[in-house]
Amino acid sequence: MFDLSKLSFVPKKTGVYVFFNSNKKIIYIGKAKNLKSRISSYFKKNNNGLKNNILVSKVCFFDYYFTETEKDA
């Protein structure tokens, strides 16, 4: 299960984020102008799309990498 408290440590920077499942396999890669905002958006109660719910149910941890611009991401 994903620990929501880890979201408080995500910076508001541009970059790439990676979601992993319990087997440490990549299940999603995305890019963002604001990593904190984008990653947090997946775990909000009002984001109830089927695709999102399935993805979020499988996320165990994530990582992120900074880029200079969104285009670089």
PDB file of N, CA and C in Angstrom:
ATOM      1  N   MET A   1       0.833  -1.183   0.000  1.00  0.00           N
ATOM      2  CA  MET A   1       0.000   0.000   0.000  1.00  0.00           C
ATOM      3  C   MET A   1       0.877   1.246   0.000  1.00  0.00           C
ATOM      4  N   PHE A   2       0.451   2.232  -0.708  1.00  0.00           N
ATOM      5  CA  PHE A   2       1.210   3.476  -0.857  1.00  0.00           C
ATOM      6  C   PHE A   2       1.076   4.341   0.392  1.00  0.00           C
ATOM      7  N   ASP A   3       2.178   4.904   0.851  1.00  0.00           N
ATOM      8  CA  ASP A   3       2.205   5.786   2.023  1.00  0.00           C
ATOM      9  C   ASP A   3       2.009   7.233   1.561  1.00  0.00           C
ATOM     10  N   LEU A   4       0.814   7.786   1.756  1.00  0.00           N
ATOM     11  CA  LEU A   4       0.491   9.140   1.294  1.00  0.00           C
ATOM     12  C   LEU A   4       1.348  10.219   1.940  1.00  0.00           C
ATOM     13  N   SER A   5       1.910   9.957   3.103  1.00  0.00           N
ATOM     14  CA  SER A   5       2.734  10.969   3.771  1.00  0.00           C
ATOM     15  C   SER A   5       3.988  11.302   2.960  1.00  0.00           C
ATOM     16  N   LYS A   6       4.421  10.406   2.095  1.00  0.00           N
ATOM     17  CA  LYS A   6       5.610  10.655   1.270  1.00  0.00           C
ATOM     18  C   LYS A   6       5.383  11.777   0.258  1.00  0.00           C
ATOM     19  N   LEU A   7       4.124  12.080  -0.055  1.00  0.00           N
ATOM     20  CA  LEU A   7       3.822  13.148  -1.006  1.00  0.00           C
ATOM     21  C   LEU A   7       4.271  14.510  -0.488  1.00  0.00           C
ATOM     22  N   SER A   8       4.335  14.672   0.825  1.00  0.00           N
ATOM     23  CA  SER A   8       4.734  15.965   1.393  1.00  0.00           C
ATOM     24  C   SER A   8       6.203  16.293   1.108  1.00  0.00           C
ATOM     25  N   PHE A   9       6.985  15.306   0.736  1.00  0.00           N
ATOM     26  CA  PHE A   9       8.404  15.512   0.463  1.00  0.00           C
ATOM     27  C   PHE A   9       8.716  15.776  -1.007  1.00  0.00           C
ATOM     28  N   VAL A  10       7.718  15.660  -1.862  1.00  0.00           N
ATOM     29  CA  VAL A  10       7.933  15.858  -3.300  1.00  0.00           C
ATOM     30  C   VAL A  10       8.057  17.355  -3.578  1.00  0.00           C
ATOM     31  N   PRO A  11       9.103  17.780  -4.281  1.00  0.00           N
ATOM     32  CA  PRO A  11       9.296  19.208  -4.576  1.00  0.00           C
ATOM     33  C   PRO A  11       8.408  19.689  -5.725  1.00  0.00           C
ATOM     34  N   LYS A  12       8.220  20.978  -5.779  1.00  0.00           N
ATOM     35  CA  LYS A  12       7.429  21.616  -6.840  1.00  0.00           C
ATOM     36  C   LYS A  12       8.340  21.975  -8.009  1.00  0.00           C
ATOM     37  N   LYS A  13       8.991  20.966  -8.565  1.00  0.00           N
ATOM     38  CA  LYS A  13       9.928  21.164  -9.669  1.00  0.00           C
ATOM     39  C   LYS A  13       9.488  20.379 -10.893  1.00  0.00           C
ATOM     40  N   THR A  14      10.063  20.716 -12.031  1.00  0.00           N
ATOM     41  CA  THR A  14       9.786  20.020 -13.282  1.00  0.00           C
ATOM     42  C   THR A  14      10.561  18.707 -13.320  1.00  0.00           C
ATOM     43  N   GLY A  15       9.914  17.668 -13.855  1.00  0.00           N
ATOM     44  CA  GLY A  15      10.630  16.409 -13.945  1.00  0.00           C
ATOM     45  C   GLY A  15       9.795  15.258 -14.448  1.00  0.00           C
ATOM     46  N   VAL A  16      10.333  14.069 -14.225  1.00  0.00           N
ATOM     47  CA  VAL A  16       9.711  12.807 -14.620  1.00  0.00           C
ATOM     48  C   VAL A  16       9.459  12.015 -13.342  1.00  0.00           C
ATOM     49  N   TYR A  17       8.309  11.360 -13.290  1.00  0.00           N
ATOM     50  CA  TYR A  17       7.999  10.514 -12.135  1.00  0.00           C
ATOM     51  C   TYR A  17       7.725   9.094 -12.601  1.00  0.00           C
ATOM     52  N   VAL A  18       8.028   8.147 -11.719  1.00  0.00           N
ATOM     53  CA  VAL A  18       7.885   6.731 -12.046  1.00  0.00           C
ATOM     54  C   VAL A  18       7.149   6.045 -10.897  1.00  0.00           C
ATOM     55  N   PHE A  19       6.076   5.322 -11.222  1.00  0.00           N
ATOM     56  CA  PHE A  19       5.335   4.545 -10.235  1.00  0.00           C
ATOM     57  C   PHE A  19       5.753   3.085 -10.357  1.00  0.00           C
ATOM     58  N   PHE A  20       5.916   2.428  -9.198  1.00  0.00           N
ATOM     59  CA  PHE A  20       6.317   1.024  -9.140  1.00  0.00           C
ATOM     60  C   PHE A  20       5.269   0.210  -8.383  1.00  0.00           C
ATOM     61  N   ASN A  21       5.149  -1.065  -8.741  1.00  0.00           N
ATOM     62  CA  ASN A  21       4.258  -1.957  -7.999  1.00  0.00           C
ATOM     63  C   ASN A  21       5.040  -2.663  -6.889  1.00  0.00           C
ATOM     64  N   SER A  22       4.390  -3.598  -6.234  1.00  0.00           N
ATOM     65  CA  SER A  22       5.019  -4.298  -5.101  1.00  0.00           C
ATOM     66  C   SER A  22       6.193  -5.173  -5.520  1.00  0.00           C
ATOM     67  N   ASN A  23       6.273  -5.512  -6.798  1.00  0.00           N
ATOM     68  CA  ASN A  23       7.392  -6.308  -7.308  1.00  0.00           C
ATOM     69  C   ASN A  23       8.532  -5.438  -7.835  1.00  0.00           C
ATOM     70  N   LYS A  24       8.460  -4.146  -7.561  1.00  0.00           N
ATOM     71  CA  LYS A  24       9.452  -3.166  -7.998  1.00  0.00           C
ATOM     72  C   LYS A  24       9.524  -3.046  -9.514  1.00  0.00           C
ATOM     73  N   LYS A  25       8.397  -3.329 -10.170  1.00  0.00           N
ATOM     74  CA  LYS A  25       8.301  -3.164 -11.622  1.00  0.00           C
ATOM     75  C   LYS A  25       7.641  -1.827 -11.923  1.00  0.00           C
ATOM     76  N   ILE A  26       8.149  -1.165 -12.960  1.00  0.00           N
ATOM     77  CA  ILE A  26       7.577   0.113 -13.382  1.00  0.00           C
ATOM     78  C   ILE A  26       6.185  -0.144 -13.947  1.00  0.00           C
ATOM     79  N   ILE A  27       5.192   0.613 -13.434  1.00  0.00           N
ATOM     80  CA  ILE A  27       3.840   0.481 -13.963  1.00  0.00           C
ATOM     81  C   ILE A  27       3.357   1.771 -14.624  1.00  0.00           C
ATOM     82  N   TYR A  28       4.077   2.876 -14.416  1.00  0.00           N
ATOM     83  CA  TYR A  28       3.694   4.124 -15.080  1.00  0.00           C
ATOM     84  C   TYR A  28       4.852   5.110 -15.033  1.00  0.00           C
ATOM     85  N   ILE A  29       5.036   5.849 -16.119  1.00  0.00           N
ATOM     86  CA  ILE A  29       6.017   6.938 -16.193  1.00  0.00           C
ATOM     87  C   ILE A  29       5.288   8.164 -16.713  1.00  0.00           C
ATOM     88  N   GLY A  30       5.506   9.287 -16.058  1.00  0.00           N
ATOM     89  CA  GLY A  30       4.869  10.524 -16.487  1.00  0.00           C
ATOM     90  C   GLY A  30       5.812  11.697 -16.360  1.00  0.00           C
ATOM     91  N   LYS A  31       5.367  12.849 -16.861  1.00  0.00           N
ATOM     92  CA  LYS A  31       6.166  14.069 -16.747  1.00  0.00           C
ATOM     93  C   LYS A  31       5.300  15.157 -16.154  1.00  0.00           C
ATOM     94  N   ALA A  32       5.940  16.169 -15.585  1.00  0.00           N
ATOM     95  CA  ALA A  32       5.180  17.226 -14.933  1.00  0.00           C
ATOM     96  C   ALA A  32       5.968  18.517 -14.845  1.00  0.00           C
ATOM     97  N   LYS A  33       5.256  19.622 -14.931  1.00  0.00           N
ATOM     98  CA  LYS A  33       5.857  20.929 -14.655  1.00  0.00           C
ATOM     99  C   LYS A  33       6.066  21.079 -13.156  1.00  0.00           C
ATOM    100  N   ASN A  34       5.138  20.504 -12.398  1.00  0.00           N
ATOM    101  CA  ASN A  34       5.173  20.575 -10.941  1.00  0.00           C
ATOM    102  C   ASN A  34       4.966  19.143 -10.419  1.00  0.00           C
ATOM    103  N   LEU A  35       6.051  18.495 -10.039  1.00  0.00           N
ATOM    104  CA  LEU A  35       5.990  17.101  -9.609  1.00  0.00           C
ATOM    105  C   LEU A  35       5.035  16.895  -8.437  1.00  0.00           C
ATOM    106  N   LYS A  36       5.110  17.764  -7.437  1.00  0.00           N
ATOM    107  CA  LYS A  36       4.270  17.619  -6.249  1.00  0.00           C
ATOM    108  C   LYS A  36       2.793  17.635  -6.625  1.00  0.00           C
ATOM    109  N   SER A  37       2.399  18.604  -7.432  1.00  0.00           N
ATOM    110  CA  SER A  37       1.005  18.734  -7.826  1.00  0.00           C
ATOM    111  C   SER A  37       0.539  17.541  -8.665  1.00  0.00           C
ATOM    112  N   ARG A  38       1.347  17.155  -9.619  1.00  0.00           N
ATOM    113  CA  ARG A  38       0.950  16.070 -10.524  1.00  0.00           C
ATOM    114  C   ARG A  38       0.859  14.736  -9.819  1.00  0.00           C
ATOM    115  N   ILE A  39       1.872  14.374  -9.045  1.00  0.00           N
ATOM    116  CA  ILE A  39       1.849  13.090  -8.347  1.00  0.00           C
ATOM    117  C   ILE A  39       0.703  13.059  -7.342  1.00  0.00           C
ATOM    118  N   SER A  40       0.507  14.149  -6.622  1.00  0.00           N
ATOM    119  CA  SER A  40      -0.581  14.220  -5.640  1.00  0.00           C
ATOM    120  C   SER A  40      -1.947  14.067  -6.290  1.00  0.00           C
ATOM    121  N   SER A  41      -2.089  14.553  -7.514  1.00  0.00           N
ATOM    122  CA  SER A  41      -3.394  14.505  -8.193  1.00  0.00           C
ATOM    123  C   SER A  41      -3.909  13.076  -8.368  1.00  0.00           C
ATOM    124  N   TYR A  42      -3.032  12.122  -8.478  1.00  0.00           N
ATOM    125  CA  TYR A  42      -3.451  10.732  -8.638  1.00  0.00           C
ATOM    126  C   TYR A  42      -4.158  10.194  -7.402  1.00  0.00           C
ATOM    127  N   PHE A  43      -3.829  10.745  -6.240  1.00  0.00           N
ATOM    128  CA  PHE A  43      -4.303  10.184  -4.985  1.00  0.00           C
ATOM    129  C   PHE A  43      -5.430  11.001  -4.339  1.00  0.00           C
ATOM    130  N   LYS A  44      -5.986  11.954  -5.076  1.00  0.00           N
ATOM    131  CA  LYS A  44      -7.107  12.754  -4.572  1.00  0.00           C
ATOM    132  C   LYS A  44      -8.402  11.969  -4.731  1.00  0.00           C
ATOM    133  N   LYS A  45      -9.294  12.142  -3.777  1.00  0.00           N
ATOM    134  CA  LYS A  45     -10.565  11.410  -3.762  1.00  0.00           C
ATOM    135  C   LYS A  45     -11.426  11.719  -4.981  1.00  0.00           C
ATOM    136  N   ASN A  46     -11.346  12.946  -5.510  1.00  0.00           N
ATOM    137  CA  ASN A  46     -12.218  13.328  -6.619  1.00  0.00           C
ATOM    138  C   ASN A  46     -11.680  12.890  -7.979  1.00  0.00           C
ATOM    139  N   ASN A  47     -10.578  12.165  -8.010  1.00  0.00           N
ATOM    140  CA  ASN A  47     -10.008  11.658  -9.261  1.00  0.00           C
ATOM    141  C   ASN A  47     -10.403  10.187  -9.380  1.00  0.00           C
ATOM    142  N   ASN A  48     -11.667   9.937  -9.762  1.00  0.00           N
ATOM    143  CA  ASN A  48     -12.228   8.587  -9.671  1.00  0.00           C
ATOM    144  C   ASN A  48     -12.326   7.822 -10.986  1.00  0.00           C
ATOM    145  N   GLY A  49     -11.589   8.203 -11.999  1.00  0.00           N
ATOM    146  CA  GLY A  49     -11.656   7.459 -13.253  1.00  0.00           C
ATOM    147  C   GLY A  49     -11.202   6.023 -13.075  1.00  0.00           C
ATOM    148  N   LEU A  50     -11.750   5.132 -13.867  1.00  0.00           N
ATOM    149  CA  LEU A  50     -11.420   3.708 -13.766  1.00  0.00           C
ATOM    150  C   LEU A  50      -9.927   3.456 -13.957  1.00  0.00           C
ATOM    151  N   LYS A  51      -9.356   4.065 -14.996  1.00  0.00           N
ATOM    152  CA  LYS A  51      -7.919   3.890 -15.261  1.00  0.00           C
ATOM    153  C   LYS A  51      -7.094   4.344 -14.060  1.00  0.00           C
ATOM    154  N   ASN A  52      -7.440   5.495 -13.513  1.00  0.00           N
ATOM    155  CA  ASN A  52      -6.710   6.029 -12.365  1.00  0.00           C
ATOM    156  C   ASN A  52      -6.857   5.123 -11.147  1.00  0.00           C
ATOM    157  N   ASN A  53      -8.073   4.641 -10.885  1.00  0.00           N
ATOM    158  CA  ASN A  53      -8.289   3.782  -9.720  1.00  0.00           C
ATOM    159  C   ASN A  53      -7.481   2.492  -9.806  1.00  0.00           C
ATOM    160  N   ILE A  54      -7.419   1.917 -10.984  1.00  0.00           N
ATOM    161  CA  ILE A  54      -6.635   0.689 -11.170  1.00  0.00           C
ATOM    162  C   ILE A  54      -5.153   0.970 -10.958  1.00  0.00           C
ATOM    163  N   LEU A  55      -4.663   2.051 -11.560  1.00  0.00           N
ATOM    164  CA  LEU A  55      -3.252   2.408 -11.405  1.00  0.00           C
ATOM    165  C   LEU A  55      -2.904   2.652  -9.941  1.00  0.00           C
ATOM    166  N   VAL A  56      -3.675   3.508  -9.289  1.00  0.00           N
ATOM    167  CA  VAL A  56      -3.394   3.885  -7.896  1.00  0.00           C
ATOM    168  C   VAL A  56      -3.441   2.671  -6.972  1.00  0.00           C
ATOM    169  N   SER A  57      -4.321   1.733  -7.255  1.00  0.00           N
ATOM    170  CA  SER A  57      -4.419   0.540  -6.400  1.00  0.00           C
ATOM    171  C   SER A  57      -3.163  -0.323  -6.469  1.00  0.00           C
ATOM    172  N   LYS A  58      -2.373  -0.165  -7.517  1.00  0.00           N
ATOM    173  CA  LYS A  58      -1.169  -0.978  -7.689  1.00  0.00           C
ATOM    174  C   LYS A  58       0.120  -0.264  -7.301  1.00  0.00           C
ATOM    175  N   VAL A  59       0.068   1.050  -7.085  1.00  0.00           N
ATOM    176  CA  VAL A  59       1.272   1.815  -6.755  1.00  0.00           C
ATOM    177  C   VAL A  59       1.715   1.502  -5.327  1.00  0.00           C
ATOM    178  N   CYS A  60       2.974   1.119  -5.184  1.00  0.00           N
ATOM    179  CA  CYS A  60       3.548   0.870  -3.857  1.00  0.00           C
ATOM    180  C   CYS A  60       4.589   1.931  -3.496  1.00  0.00           C
ATOM    181  N   PHE A  61       5.303   2.404  -4.495  1.00  0.00           N
ATOM    182  CA  PHE A  61       6.240   3.497  -4.254  1.00  0.00           C
ATOM    183  C   PHE A  61       6.530   4.194  -5.570  1.00  0.00           C
ATOM    184  N   PHE A  62       7.189   5.335  -5.462  1.00  0.00           N
ATOM    185  CA  PHE A  62       7.494   6.113  -6.657  1.00  0.00           C
ATOM    186  C   PHE A  62       8.872   6.734  -6.539  1.00  0.00           C
ATOM    187  N   ASP A  63       9.363   7.204  -7.654  1.00  0.00           N
ATOM    188  CA  ASP A  63      10.626   7.936  -7.700  1.00  0.00           C
ATOM    189  C   ASP A  63      10.427   9.078  -8.669  1.00  0.00           C
ATOM    190  N   TYR A  64      11.310  10.048  -8.636  1.00  0.00           N
ATOM    191  CA  TYR A  64      11.221  11.168  -9.572  1.00  0.00           C
ATOM    192  C   TYR A  64      12.612  11.688  -9.876  1.00  0.00           C
ATOM    193  N   TYR A  65      12.697  12.336 -11.026  1.00  0.00           N
ATOM    194  CA  TYR A  65      13.966  12.873 -11.524  1.00  0.00           C
ATOM    195  C   TYR A  65      13.702  14.283 -12.038  1.00  0.00           C
ATOM    196  N   PHE A  66      14.571  15.192 -11.694  1.00  0.00           N
ATOM    197  CA  PHE A  66      14.417  16.587 -12.118  1.00  0.00           C
ATOM    198  C   PHE A  66      14.919  16.785 -13.541  1.00  0.00           C
ATOM    199  N   THR A  67      14.264  17.684 -14.247  1.00  0.00           N
ATOM    200  CA  THR A  67      14.718  18.107 -15.571  1.00  0.00           C
ATOM    201  C   THR A  67      14.703  19.628 -15.589  1.00  0.00           C
ATOM    202  N   GLU A  68      15.452  20.207 -16.498  1.00  0.00           N
ATOM    203  CA  GLU A  68      15.507  21.663 -16.620  1.00  0.00           C
ATOM    204  C   GLU A  68      14.184  22.237 -17.128  1.00  0.00           C
ATOM    205  N   THR A  69      13.560  21.542 -18.077  1.00  0.00           N
ATOM    206  CA  THR A  69      12.312  22.014 -18.671  1.00  0.00           C
ATOM    207  C   THR A  69      11.353  20.852 -18.836  1.00  0.00           C
ATOM    208  N   GLU A  70      10.095  21.168 -19.075  1.00  0.00           N
ATOM    209  CA  GLU A  70       9.097  20.119 -19.327  1.00  0.00           C
ATOM    210  C   GLU A  70       9.423  19.393 -20.631  1.00  0.00           C
ATOM    211  N   LYS A  71       9.948  20.109 -21.595  1.00  0.00           N
ATOM    212  CA  LYS A  71      10.329  19.500 -22.863  1.00  0.00           C
ATOM    213  C   LYS A  71      11.405  18.443 -22.638  1.00  0.00           C
ATOM    214  N   ASP A  72      12.367  18.721 -21.754  1.00  0.00           N
ATOM    215  CA  ASP A  72      13.408  17.736 -21.422  1.00  0.00           C
ATOM    216  C   ASP A  72      12.804  16.468 -20.827  1.00  0.00           C
ATOM    217  N   ALA A  73      11.754  16.654 -20.060  1.00  0.00           N
ATOM    218  CA  ALA A  73      11.085  15.497 -19.424  1.00  0.00           C
ATOM    219  C   ALA A  73      10.498  14.600 -20.487  1.00  0.00           C
TER     220      ALA A  73
END
